[in-house]
């Protein structure tokens, strides 16, 4: 008896397994524990977070704000509405697409976008007044420095500080 061979069957099986959702394959995951954090809170904790934004190695914004441990996400609602605004000169191309001139003033905003145990998500927004140039997140850590290049030549650096 003649058996037909289908050369693509193995490929289809491999593709099917590769594309199967991960929930079908149980995975071990470590649950991260620790406090949630909020910024600009009024607590007895004497912690602050320093933040520096640099463009091609030149500091364009620096700020320090208090941070507090919280028990519930609902406690971060008021703090997440706090926004830090700053301005700097243009002359940078954002996302390899949006060129700004040196005569333009770029508006920057920072806000708390959320938190997870041991992490504060900071939202960063840049605009030239009529166009959004960049809208992204930076992960800040209350106990550890964190540096990330959010766009070519544009870096965010956060670091823990103790208040007196």
C-alpha atoms as a PDB file:
ATOM      1  CA  UNK A   1       0.000   0.000   0.000  1.00  0.00           C
ATOM      2  CA  UNK A   2       1.274   3.478  -0.860  1.00  0.00           C
ATOM      3  CA  UNK A   3       1.546   6.015   2.007  1.00  0.00           C
ATOM      4  CA  UNK A   4       1.550   9.647   1.063  1.00  0.00           C
ATOM      5  CA  UNK A   5       4.212  11.692   2.812  1.00  0.00           C
ATOM      6  CA  UNK A   6       3.385  15.252   3.667  1.00  0.00           C
ATOM      7  CA  UNK A   7       6.675  17.157   4.135  1.00  0.00           C
ATOM      8  CA  UNK A   8       5.017  20.144   5.772  1.00  0.00           C
ATOM      9  CA  UNK A   9       3.407  18.196   8.643  1.00  0.00           C
ATOM     10  CA  UNK A  10       6.432  18.513  10.930  1.00  0.00           C
ATOM     11  CA  UNK A  11       6.647  22.216  10.181  1.00  0.00           C
ATOM     12  CA  UNK A  12       2.956  22.651  11.005  1.00  0.00           C
ATOM     13  CA  UNK A  13       3.355  20.782  14.316  1.00  0.00           C
ATOM     14  CA  UNK A  14       6.373  22.909  15.272  1.00  0.00           C
ATOM     15  CA  UNK A  15       4.510  26.116  14.353  1.00  0.00           C
ATOM     16  CA  UNK A  16       1.410  25.011  16.272  1.00  0.00           C
ATOM     17  CA  UNK A  17       3.479  24.325  19.394  1.00  0.00           C
ATOM     18  CA  UNK A  18       5.348  27.611  19.070  1.00  0.00           C
ATOM     19  CA  UNK A  19       2.154  29.609  18.668  1.00  0.00           C
ATOM     20  CA  UNK A  20       0.236  27.894  21.478  1.00  0.00           C
ATOM     21  CA  UNK A  21      -0.556  30.477  24.180  1.00  0.00           C
ATOM     22  CA  UNK A  22       1.713  30.361  27.184  1.00  0.00           C
ATOM     23  CA  UNK A  23      -1.229  29.677  29.498  1.00  0.00           C
ATOM     24  CA  UNK A  24      -1.368  26.199  27.979  1.00  0.00           C
ATOM     25  CA  UNK A  25       2.177  25.618  29.263  1.00  0.00           C
ATOM     26  CA  UNK A  26       2.376  26.191  33.023  1.00  0.00           C
ATOM     27  CA  UNK A  27       5.398  28.225  34.056  1.00  0.00           C
ATOM     28  CA  UNK A  28       7.002  28.824  37.383  1.00  0.00           C
ATOM     29  CA  UNK A  29       7.009  32.506  38.256  1.00  0.00           C
ATOM     30  CA  UNK A  30       8.411  34.256  41.274  1.00  0.00           C
ATOM     31  CA  UNK A  31       5.961  36.486  43.057  1.00  0.00           C
ATOM     32  CA  UNK A  32       7.593  39.803  43.823  1.00  0.00           C
ATOM     33  CA  UNK A  33       6.801  41.048  47.294  1.00  0.00           C
ATOM     34  CA  UNK A  34       7.473  44.290  49.057  1.00  0.00           C
ATOM     35  CA  UNK A  35       5.744  47.615  49.521  1.00  0.00           C
ATOM     36  CA  UNK A  36       4.138  49.657  46.824  1.00  0.00           C
ATOM     37  CA  UNK A  37       5.511  53.198  46.593  1.00  0.00           C
ATOM     38  CA  UNK A  38       4.065  56.578  45.839  1.00  0.00           C
ATOM     39  CA  UNK A  39       5.687  59.932  45.232  1.00  0.00           C
ATOM     40  CA  UNK A  40       4.913  63.261  46.883  1.00  0.00           C
ATOM     41  CA  UNK A  41       3.288  61.448  49.789  1.00  0.00           C
ATOM     42  CA  UNK A  42       3.114  62.723  53.354  1.00  0.00           C
ATOM     43  CA  UNK A  43       4.568  59.952  55.446  1.00  0.00           C
ATOM     44  CA  UNK A  44       7.082  59.513  58.232  1.00  0.00           C
ATOM     45  CA  UNK A  45       9.481  57.746  55.879  1.00  0.00           C
ATOM     46  CA  UNK A  46      12.422  60.022  55.121  1.00  0.00           C
ATOM     47  CA  UNK A  47      13.096  58.839  51.595  1.00  0.00           C
ATOM     48  CA  UNK A  48      13.352  60.781  48.391  1.00  0.00           C
ATOM     49  CA  UNK A  49      14.032  59.902  44.811  1.00  0.00           C
ATOM     50  CA  UNK A  50      16.396  61.976  42.727  1.00  0.00           C
ATOM     51  CA  UNK A  51      15.707  62.260  39.017  1.00  0.00           C
ATOM     52  CA  UNK A  52      17.973  63.563  36.260  1.00  0.00           C
ATOM     53  CA  UNK A  53      17.205  63.809  32.565  1.00  0.00           C
ATOM     54  CA  UNK A  54      20.147  64.240  30.204  1.00  0.00           C
ATOM     55  CA  UNK A  55      20.222  64.982  26.502  1.00  0.00           C
ATOM     56  CA  UNK A  56      23.456  63.921  24.790  1.00  0.00           C
ATOM     57  CA  UNK A  57      25.198  63.944  28.181  1.00  0.00           C
ATOM     58  CA  UNK A  58      23.986  67.451  29.128  1.00  0.00           C
ATOM     59  CA  UNK A  59      21.668  67.738  32.149  1.00  0.00           C
ATOM     60  CA  UNK A  60      18.332  69.280  31.077  1.00  0.00           C
ATOM     61  CA  UNK A  61      16.265  68.600  34.213  1.00  0.00           C
ATOM     62  CA  UNK A  62      16.926  67.632  37.803  1.00  0.00           C
ATOM     63  CA  UNK A  63      14.426  67.176  40.617  1.00  0.00           C
ATOM     64  CA  UNK A  64      14.044  65.485  43.978  1.00  0.00           C
ATOM     65  CA  UNK A  65      10.716  64.344  45.380  1.00  0.00           C
ATOM     66  CA  UNK A  66       9.610  62.477  48.503  1.00  0.00           C
ATOM     67  CA  UNK A  67       8.522  58.839  48.194  1.00  0.00           C
ATOM     68  CA  UNK A  68       6.478  56.792  50.637  1.00  0.00           C
ATOM     69  CA  UNK A  69       5.615  53.127  51.017  1.00  0.00           C
ATOM     70  CA  UNK A  70       1.878  52.426  50.732  1.00  0.00           C
ATOM     71  CA  UNK A  71      -0.256  49.366  51.376  1.00  0.00           C
ATOM     72  CA  UNK A  72      -2.919  49.755  48.710  1.00  0.00           C
ATOM     73  CA  UNK A  73      -2.959  51.046  45.147  1.00  0.00           C
ATOM     74  CA  UNK A  74      -5.837  53.358  46.066  1.00  0.00           C
ATOM     75  CA  UNK A  75      -3.370  55.376  48.185  1.00  0.00           C
ATOM     76  CA  UNK A  76      -1.415  56.398  45.066  1.00  0.00           C
ATOM     77  CA  UNK A  77      -4.380  58.100  43.362  1.00  0.00           C
ATOM     78  CA  UNK A  78      -3.706  61.598  44.715  1.00  0.00           C
ATOM     79  CA  UNK A  79       0.041  61.334  44.187  1.00  0.00           C
ATOM     80  CA  UNK A  80      -0.305  60.145  40.608  1.00  0.00           C
ATOM     81  CA  UNK A  81      -2.111  63.374  39.747  1.00  0.00           C
ATOM     82  CA  UNK A  82       0.978  65.391  40.714  1.00  0.00           C
ATOM     83  CA  UNK A  83       2.978  66.448  37.651  1.00  0.00           C
ATOM     84  CA  UNK A  84       6.484  67.892  37.389  1.00  0.00           C
ATOM     85  CA  UNK A  85       6.862  70.156  34.350  1.00  0.00           C
ATOM     86  CA  UNK A  86      10.057  71.510  32.813  1.00  0.00           C
ATOM     87  CA  UNK A  87      11.305  73.083  29.569  1.00  0.00           C
ATOM     88  CA  UNK A  88      14.467  72.894  27.468  1.00  0.00           C
ATOM     89  CA  UNK A  89      15.735  74.006  24.064  1.00  0.00           C
ATOM     90  CA  UNK A  90      14.982  71.934  20.955  1.00  0.00           C
ATOM     91  CA  UNK A  91      17.456  70.758  18.359  1.00  0.00           C
ATOM     92  CA  UNK A  92      16.917  67.039  18.970  1.00  0.00           C
ATOM     93  CA  UNK A  93      15.219  64.422  16.803  1.00  0.00           C
ATOM     94  CA  UNK A  94      12.739  62.390  18.822  1.00  0.00           C
ATOM     95  CA  UNK A  95      12.093  58.738  17.932  1.00  0.00           C
ATOM     96  CA  UNK A  96      14.159  59.167  14.734  1.00  0.00           C
ATOM     97  CA  UNK A  97      11.103  60.905  13.292  1.00  0.00           C
ATOM     98  CA  UNK A  98      10.242  64.214  14.939  1.00  0.00           C
ATOM     99  CA  UNK A  99      12.935  66.850  14.379  1.00  0.00           C
ATOM    100  CA  UNK A 100      12.878  69.960  16.550  1.00  0.00           C
ATOM    101  CA  UNK A 101      14.682  73.203  15.830  1.00  0.00           C
ATOM    102  CA  UNK A 102      17.076  74.871  18.264  1.00  0.00           C
ATOM    103  CA  UNK A 103      14.672  77.819  18.523  1.00  0.00           C
ATOM    104  CA  UNK A 104      11.804  75.635  19.770  1.00  0.00           C
ATOM    105  CA  UNK A 105      11.057  75.150  23.435  1.00  0.00           C
ATOM    106  CA  UNK A 106      10.358  71.551  24.367  1.00  0.00           C
ATOM    107  CA  UNK A 107       7.909  70.937  27.188  1.00  0.00           C
ATOM    108  CA  UNK A 108       8.526  67.934  29.429  1.00  0.00           C
ATOM    109  CA  UNK A 109       6.237  66.388  32.029  1.00  0.00           C
ATOM    110  CA  UNK A 110       6.795  63.651  34.589  1.00  0.00           C
ATOM    111  CA  UNK A 111       4.099  61.917  36.632  1.00  0.00           C
ATOM    112  CA  UNK A 112       3.600  58.709  38.570  1.00  0.00           C
ATOM    113  CA  UNK A 113       2.028  56.268  36.139  1.00  0.00           C
ATOM    114  CA  UNK A 114       1.677  53.470  38.701  1.00  0.00           C
ATOM    115  CA  UNK A 115       3.570  51.165  41.016  1.00  0.00           C
ATOM    116  CA  UNK A 116       4.355  47.536  41.612  1.00  0.00           C
ATOM    117  CA  UNK A 117       6.197  46.070  44.613  1.00  0.00           C
ATOM    118  CA  UNK A 118       9.578  47.791  44.764  1.00  0.00           C
ATOM    119  CA  UNK A 119       8.969  49.875  41.623  1.00  0.00           C
ATOM    120  CA  UNK A 120       7.527  53.276  40.747  1.00  0.00           C
ATOM    121  CA  UNK A 121       6.509  53.763  37.119  1.00  0.00           C
ATOM    122  CA  UNK A 122       7.188  57.312  36.005  1.00  0.00           C
ATOM    123  CA  UNK A 123       5.463  58.591  32.885  1.00  0.00           C
ATOM    124  CA  UNK A 124       7.487  60.975  30.718  1.00  0.00           C
ATOM    125  CA  UNK A 125       5.949  63.174  28.045  1.00  0.00           C
ATOM    126  CA  UNK A 126       7.692  65.538  25.613  1.00  0.00           C
ATOM    127  CA  UNK A 127       5.956  67.989  23.285  1.00  0.00           C
ATOM    128  CA  UNK A 128       6.853  71.061  21.247  1.00  0.00           C
ATOM    129  CA  UNK A 129       3.447  72.607  21.963  1.00  0.00           C
ATOM    130  CA  UNK A 130       1.697  71.335  18.861  1.00  0.00           C
ATOM    131  CA  UNK A 131       2.986  67.760  18.518  1.00  0.00           C
ATOM    132  CA  UNK A 132       3.665  64.859  20.883  1.00  0.00           C
ATOM    133  CA  UNK A 133       7.344  63.981  20.474  1.00  0.00           C
ATOM    134  CA  UNK A 134       7.651  61.145  22.989  1.00  0.00           C
ATOM    135  CA  UNK A 135       5.417  59.516  25.593  1.00  0.00           C
ATOM    136  CA  UNK A 136       7.089  56.717  27.561  1.00  0.00           C
ATOM    137  CA  UNK A 137       7.733  55.119  30.966  1.00  0.00           C
ATOM    138  CA  UNK A 138      10.749  54.893  33.231  1.00  0.00           C
ATOM    139  CA  UNK A 139      11.013  52.291  35.999  1.00  0.00           C
ATOM    140  CA  UNK A 140      12.340  53.894  39.184  1.00  0.00           C
ATOM    141  CA  UNK A 141      13.476  51.807  42.142  1.00  0.00           C
ATOM    142  CA  UNK A 142      13.280  53.248  45.677  1.00  0.00           C
ATOM    143  CA  UNK A 143      16.417  51.393  46.840  1.00  0.00           C
ATOM    144  CA  UNK A 144      18.524  51.267  43.693  1.00  0.00           C
ATOM    145  CA  UNK A 145      19.785  53.496  40.893  1.00  0.00           C
ATOM    146  CA  UNK A 146      18.085  53.090  37.555  1.00  0.00           C
ATOM    147  CA  UNK A 147      19.277  54.558  34.250  1.00  0.00           C
ATOM    148  CA  UNK A 148      17.566  54.097  30.924  1.00  0.00           C
ATOM    149  CA  UNK A 149      17.948  55.671  27.505  1.00  0.00           C
ATOM    150  CA  UNK A 150      14.333  56.481  26.610  1.00  0.00           C
ATOM    151  CA  UNK A 151      15.252  57.835  23.176  1.00  0.00           C
ATOM    152  CA  UNK A 152      18.490  58.138  21.250  1.00  0.00           C
ATOM    153  CA  UNK A 153      20.663  60.471  23.349  1.00  0.00           C
ATOM    154  CA  UNK A 154      17.889  61.099  25.923  1.00  0.00           C
ATOM    155  CA  UNK A 155      18.452  59.362  29.291  1.00  0.00           C
ATOM    156  CA  UNK A 156      16.613  59.222  32.603  1.00  0.00           C
ATOM    157  CA  UNK A 157      18.503  58.463  35.795  1.00  0.00           C
ATOM    158  CA  UNK A 158      16.769  57.910  39.145  1.00  0.00           C
ATOM    159  CA  UNK A 159      18.482  57.277  42.471  1.00  0.00           C
ATOM    160  CA  UNK A 160      17.452  56.913  46.132  1.00  0.00           C
ATOM    161  CA  UNK A 161      18.176  59.675  48.661  1.00  0.00           C
ATOM    162  CA  UNK A 162      17.698  59.970  52.425  1.00  0.00           C
ATOM    163  CA  UNK A 163      16.092  63.146  53.748  1.00  0.00           C
ATOM    164  CA  UNK A 164      17.141  64.766  57.006  1.00  0.00           C
END
